[in-house]
Amino acid sequence: MLLASFPSPSSEAIELGPLTLRAYGLAIAFGVLAAVWLAQKRWAADGGDPDDIGTIAMWAVPAGLIGSRIYHVLTDWRFDEGWAEPFKIWEGGLGIPGGMAAGVIVGVWVINRNGWDRGRLLDACVPALPLAQAIGRIGNWFNQELFGRPTDLPWAVEIAPEHRPDEHLLEETFHPTFAYEAAWNLGLVLFLIWVGKTKKLKSGALLAVYAVGYLVARIWLETVRIDPATEIAGVRVNIWMSIVGIAVAGAWLLLRGRASGDAGAGAGGGNIVRSRMS
């Protein structure tokens, strides 16, 4: 007998004796750890110092969390519990585009500040970004949030009545859009690694490939999701932001992204570079 759907966790937290750990926060933490591990492996394979990645993460990760919350507050301003509500990150509400943008900007600042090779370091780090996103999406499953329209597909997710929109209270199973995004991002990790190995793009251009790859999927996911969202001209804000991001990143790839014939090896190419520590 085939599984008709899969259940959601009964609790948003994990109890470890006297400790209560929010699954949402744990998912984000494990995503960050996995991303740092992958970036370190790639940077070491390219002759860099793995400790450089830790230095970047020390600044970029907090910036990403702050940026993701600011993005969510600005694009989904539905706060009715007073001034403290925007700071309740443990209850969910992190805008991935804002977090990635803030993390990358601060990461580039750290790279420039230390005089490291920006393009090659970015190429080493970029595949780690969708890896962190994929693992972080597990938190949405525990929170029973960011699911899509009702469906009876075999991989539908069961959502408890208290988490369903009022117009879908009688529906029990929905598209697990958080799982769709996680699966897409894992595939994007492999695709970015492969693209980097082809050496057909200029050093640092892998970031634009990531942006296009992620945002294309985000547009589709936004058309499936049914959670409340701010709209402009009847279209969800995240769709508009994704279109702008694809246009900018795609134009840069077309105009400046292709490597010249004498381009040096990128991440994984084996060039030995001595990094200056801060």
Protein backbone atom coordinates (compact mmCIF):
# COMPACT_ATOMS: atom_id res chain seq x y z
CA MET A 1 0.00 0.00 0.00
CA LEU A 2 1.40 3.38 -1.00
CA LEU A 3 1.75 6.15 1.52
CA ALA A 4 -1.09 8.63 0.92
CA SER A 5 0.68 11.47 2.73
CA PHE A 6 3.31 12.08 5.37
CA PRO A 7 2.64 13.60 8.79
CA SER A 8 4.02 16.76 10.29
CA PRO A 9 5.92 16.62 13.60
CA SER A 10 3.62 16.86 16.61
CA SER A 11 5.80 19.50 18.27
CA GLU A 12 7.83 22.50 17.17
CA ALA A 13 10.45 21.76 19.82
CA ILE A 14 12.78 18.93 20.80
CA GLU A 15 12.99 18.09 24.49
CA LEU A 16 16.42 17.09 25.85
CA GLY A 17 15.93 16.66 29.57
CA PRO A 18 15.46 20.14 31.06
CA LEU A 19 16.31 21.76 27.72
CA THR A 20 13.71 22.74 25.14
CA LEU A 21 15.25 23.32 21.73
CA ARG A 22 13.29 24.93 18.91
CA ALA A 23 13.51 22.73 15.82
CA TYR A 24 13.43 25.85 13.62
CA GLY A 25 16.58 27.21 15.24
CA LEU A 26 18.30 23.83 15.19
CA ALA A 27 17.63 23.47 11.47
CA ILE A 28 19.19 26.85 10.80
CA ALA A 29 22.19 26.01 12.99
CA PHE A 30 22.80 22.66 11.28
CA GLY A 31 22.42 24.36 7.90
CA VAL A 32 25.11 26.89 8.81
CA LEU A 33 27.46 24.17 10.08
CA ALA A 34 27.01 22.13 6.90
CA ALA A 35 27.60 25.20 4.74
CA VAL A 36 30.80 26.11 6.59
CA TRP A 37 32.03 22.51 6.28
CA LEU A 38 31.43 22.40 2.51
CA ALA A 39 32.99 25.82 1.92
CA GLN A 40 36.05 24.85 3.96
CA LYS A 41 36.48 21.63 1.98
CA ARG A 42 36.24 23.48 -1.34
CA TRP A 43 38.55 26.30 -0.27
CA ALA A 44 41.14 23.86 1.09
CA ALA A 45 41.00 21.91 -2.19
CA ASP A 46 41.85 25.16 -3.98
CA GLY A 47 44.88 25.73 -1.77
CA GLY A 48 43.28 28.18 0.63
CA ASP A 49 43.27 28.24 4.42
CA PRO A 50 40.00 26.67 5.78
CA ASP A 51 40.15 29.10 8.70
CA ASP A 52 39.34 31.88 6.22
CA ILE A 53 35.82 30.43 5.92
CA GLY A 54 35.35 30.57 9.66
CA THR A 55 36.37 34.22 9.67
CA ILE A 56 33.86 34.99 6.93
CA ALA A 57 31.08 33.01 8.64
CA MET A 58 31.64 34.80 11.94
CA TRP A 59 30.46 38.03 10.27
CA ALA A 60 28.25 36.80 7.44
CA VAL A 61 25.99 34.46 9.45
CA PRO A 62 24.75 37.08 11.96
CA ALA A 63 24.37 39.55 9.10
CA GLY A 64 22.31 36.99 7.19
CA LEU A 65 19.98 36.41 10.14
CA ILE A 66 19.47 40.13 10.61
CA GLY A 67 18.98 40.70 6.90
CA SER A 68 16.48 37.86 6.59
CA ARG A 69 14.39 39.22 9.45
CA ILE A 70 14.47 42.77 8.08
CA TYR A 71 13.39 41.48 4.67
CA HIS A 72 10.49 39.60 6.24
CA VAL A 73 9.39 42.60 8.29
CA LEU A 74 9.52 44.90 5.26
CA THR A 75 7.72 42.56 2.85
CA ASP A 76 5.16 41.00 5.23
CA TRP A 77 4.25 43.72 7.69
CA ARG A 78 1.52 41.87 9.63
CA PHE A 79 2.42 42.50 13.25
CA ASP A 80 -0.42 42.90 15.71
CA GLU A 81 1.24 42.10 19.05
CA GLY A 82 3.17 45.31 19.58
CA TRP A 83 6.70 46.52 18.94
CA ALA A 84 8.39 43.31 20.17
CA GLU A 85 6.86 40.99 17.56
CA PRO A 86 9.40 41.69 14.77
CA PHE A 87 12.15 40.43 17.12
CA LYS A 88 10.55 37.01 17.76
CA ILE A 89 12.75 35.14 15.30
CA TRP A 90 12.15 31.82 17.10
CA GLU A 91 8.53 31.92 15.91
CA GLY A 92 9.61 31.91 12.27
CA GLY A 93 9.56 34.64 9.71
CA LEU A 94 12.91 34.85 7.97
CA GLY A 95 13.07 36.10 4.39
CA ILE A 96 15.69 34.00 2.61
CA PRO A 97 16.42 36.56 -0.17
CA GLY A 98 17.23 39.23 2.38
CA GLY A 99 19.38 36.89 4.43
CA MET A 100 21.39 35.69 1.47
CA ALA A 101 21.90 39.23 0.18
CA ALA A 102 23.04 40.56 3.56
CA GLY A 103 25.29 37.57 4.21
CA VAL A 104 26.97 37.82 0.82
CA ILE A 105 27.50 41.58 1.10
CA VAL A 106 29.10 41.29 4.53
CA GLY A 107 31.08 38.23 3.41
CA VAL A 108 32.51 40.17 0.47
CA TRP A 109 33.38 43.01 2.85
CA VAL A 110 35.35 40.59 5.05
CA ILE A 111 37.14 39.15 2.01
CA ASN A 112 38.11 42.59 0.74
CA ARG A 113 39.17 43.73 4.20
CA ASN A 114 41.61 40.83 4.47
CA GLY A 115 42.92 41.16 0.93
CA TRP A 116 41.87 37.65 -0.09
CA ASP A 117 41.05 36.52 -3.63
CA ARG A 118 37.40 37.53 -3.84
CA GLY A 119 36.40 35.66 -6.98
CA ARG A 120 37.93 32.33 -6.00
CA LEU A 121 36.66 32.53 -2.44
CA LEU A 122 33.14 33.27 -3.68
CA ASP A 123 33.31 30.28 -6.01
CA ALA A 124 34.33 28.10 -3.07
CA CYS A 125 31.50 29.38 -0.86
CA VAL A 126 28.57 29.70 -3.26
CA PRO A 127 27.53 26.00 -3.42
CA ALA A 128 27.32 26.06 0.38
CA LEU A 129 24.53 28.65 0.29
CA PRO A 130 21.77 26.41 -1.13
CA LEU A 131 23.00 23.60 1.14
CA ALA A 132 22.29 25.78 4.18
CA GLN A 133 18.88 26.70 2.73
CA ALA A 134 17.94 23.08 2.09
CA ILE A 135 18.68 22.03 5.67
CA GLY A 136 17.06 25.13 7.13
CA ARG A 137 13.77 24.33 5.39
CA ILE A 138 13.35 21.36 7.73
CA GLY A 139 12.38 23.93 10.35
CA ASN A 140 9.32 24.89 8.28
CA TRP A 141 8.16 21.28 8.45
CA PHE A 142 8.32 21.30 12.25
CA ASN A 143 6.51 24.67 12.36
CA GLN A 144 3.88 23.44 9.86
CA GLU A 145 4.27 26.58 7.77
CA LEU A 146 5.00 27.69 4.20
CA PHE A 147 3.06 24.82 2.65
CA GLY A 148 1.15 25.04 -0.62
CA ARG A 149 -2.31 24.42 -1.97
CA PRO A 150 -4.37 21.38 -0.89
CA THR A 151 -3.44 18.20 -2.74
CA ASP A 152 -3.96 14.45 -2.52
CA LEU A 153 -0.60 13.55 -4.07
CA PRO A 154 1.26 10.69 -2.34
CA TRP A 155 3.89 13.07 -0.96
CA ALA A 156 1.39 15.58 0.45
CA VAL A 157 2.05 16.80 3.99
CA GLU A 158 -0.57 16.60 6.74
CA ILE A 159 -1.21 19.94 8.44
CA ALA A 160 -2.96 20.25 11.81
CA PRO A 161 -6.20 22.30 11.83
CA GLU A 162 -4.68 25.11 13.91
CA HIS A 163 -2.07 25.71 11.21
CA ARG A 164 -4.43 25.71 8.23
CA PRO A 165 -5.79 28.88 6.62
CA ASP A 166 -9.45 29.52 7.44
CA GLU A 167 -10.52 28.85 3.87
CA HIS A 168 -8.88 25.39 3.99
CA LEU A 169 -9.94 24.15 7.42
CA LEU A 170 -11.64 21.10 5.92
CA GLU A 171 -8.55 20.13 3.90
CA GLU A 172 -5.98 17.88 5.58
CA THR A 173 -3.09 17.50 3.13
CA PHE A 174 -1.12 20.14 1.23
CA HIS A 175 1.82 20.59 -1.13
CA PRO A 176 5.05 20.49 0.96
CA THR A 177 6.57 23.49 -0.78
CA PHE A 178 9.32 23.68 1.84
CA ALA A 179 10.35 20.16 0.81
CA TYR A 180 10.20 21.09 -2.87
CA GLU A 181 12.56 23.97 -2.21
CA ALA A 182 14.89 21.80 -0.14
CA ALA A 183 15.10 19.21 -2.92
CA TRP A 184 15.69 21.91 -5.55
CA ASN A 185 18.45 23.48 -3.46
CA LEU A 186 20.23 20.15 -3.01
CA GLY A 187 20.18 19.72 -6.76
CA LEU A 188 21.44 23.29 -7.12
CA VAL A 189 24.42 22.45 -4.88
CA LEU A 190 25.47 19.68 -7.27
CA PHE A 191 24.83 21.85 -10.33
CA LEU A 192 26.95 24.71 -8.99
CA ILE A 193 29.82 22.35 -8.19
CA TRP A 194 29.64 20.97 -11.72
CA VAL A 195 29.51 24.42 -13.32
CA GLY A 196 32.54 25.46 -11.29
CA LYS A 197 34.51 22.49 -12.57
CA THR A 198 33.82 23.36 -16.21
CA LYS A 199 35.92 26.56 -15.86
CA LYS A 200 33.67 28.27 -18.41
CA LEU A 201 32.74 31.17 -16.14
CA LYS A 202 34.80 34.05 -14.82
CA SER A 203 36.05 33.77 -11.26
CA GLY A 204 33.23 34.83 -8.92
CA ALA A 205 30.47 34.38 -11.51
CA LEU A 206 29.12 31.31 -9.75
CA LEU A 207 27.25 33.67 -7.41
CA ALA A 208 25.11 34.91 -10.32
CA VAL A 209 24.38 31.31 -11.38
CA TYR A 210 23.19 30.59 -7.85
CA ALA A 211 20.97 33.67 -7.83
CA VAL A 212 19.28 32.74 -11.11
CA GLY A 213 18.94 29.08 -10.14
CA TYR A 214 17.38 29.79 -6.77
CA LEU A 215 15.10 32.63 -7.85
CA VAL A 216 13.64 30.70 -10.82
CA ALA A 217 12.46 28.03 -8.40
CA ARG A 218 11.26 30.68 -5.96
CA ILE A 219 8.91 32.16 -8.55
CA TRP A 220 7.21 28.78 -9.07
CA LEU A 221 7.04 28.04 -5.35
CA GLU A 222 5.38 31.39 -4.66
CA THR A 223 2.57 30.47 -7.09
CA VAL A 224 1.93 27.27 -5.11
CA ARG A 225 2.17 28.63 -1.56
CA ILE A 226 -0.99 29.85 0.16
CA ASP A 227 0.45 31.60 3.21
CA PRO A 228 -0.51 35.28 3.52
CA ALA A 229 1.84 37.55 1.61
CA THR A 230 2.03 41.20 0.67
CA GLU A 231 1.11 41.78 -2.97
CA ILE A 232 1.80 44.48 -5.52
CA ALA A 233 -0.63 44.64 -8.45
CA GLY A 234 -2.04 41.30 -7.35
CA VAL A 235 1.36 39.56 -7.44
CA ARG A 236 3.28 38.43 -4.37
CA VAL A 237 6.23 40.65 -3.47
CA ASN A 238 8.65 37.71 -3.53
CA ILE A 239 7.77 37.06 -7.17
CA TRP A 240 8.54 40.67 -8.08
CA MET A 241 11.83 40.53 -6.14
CA SER A 242 12.74 37.25 -7.84
CA ILE A 243 12.10 38.69 -11.29
CA VAL A 244 14.34 41.67 -10.53
CA GLY A 245 17.06 39.40 -9.14
CA ILE A 246 16.96 37.10 -12.18
CA ALA A 247 17.15 40.06 -14.54
CA VAL A 248 20.17 41.57 -12.78
CA ALA A 249 22.08 38.31 -12.28
CA GLY A 250 21.21 37.01 -15.74
CA ALA A 251 22.32 40.21 -17.44
CA TRP A 252 25.63 40.16 -15.56
CA LEU A 253 26.24 36.54 -16.60
CA LEU A 254 25.56 37.31 -20.24
CA LEU A 255 27.67 40.45 -20.34
CA ARG A 256 30.55 39.71 -17.99
CA GLY A 257 30.32 36.17 -16.67
CA ARG A 258 32.10 34.12 -19.32
CA ALA A 259 35.73 33.25 -18.63
CA SER A 260 38.50 34.32 -21.00
CA GLY A 261 40.69 31.68 -22.55
CA ASP A 262 43.53 32.24 -20.09
CA ALA A 263 41.37 32.29 -16.97
CA GLY A 264 42.94 30.66 -13.96
CA ALA A 265 41.57 27.64 -12.17
CA GLY A 266 38.62 28.22 -9.89
CA ALA A 267 37.56 26.41 -6.73
CA GLY A 268 38.85 22.86 -6.78
CA GLY A 269 41.46 23.66 -9.43
CA GLY A 270 44.43 23.14 -7.14
CA ASN A 271 46.10 26.57 -7.31
CA ILE A 272 48.02 27.27 -4.15
CA VAL A 273 47.28 30.66 -2.60
CA ARG A 274 48.58 31.86 0.72
CA SER A 275 45.87 33.74 2.60
CA ARG A 276 46.60 36.65 4.90
CA MET A 277 44.75 36.21 8.19
CA SER A 278 43.06 39.09 9.91
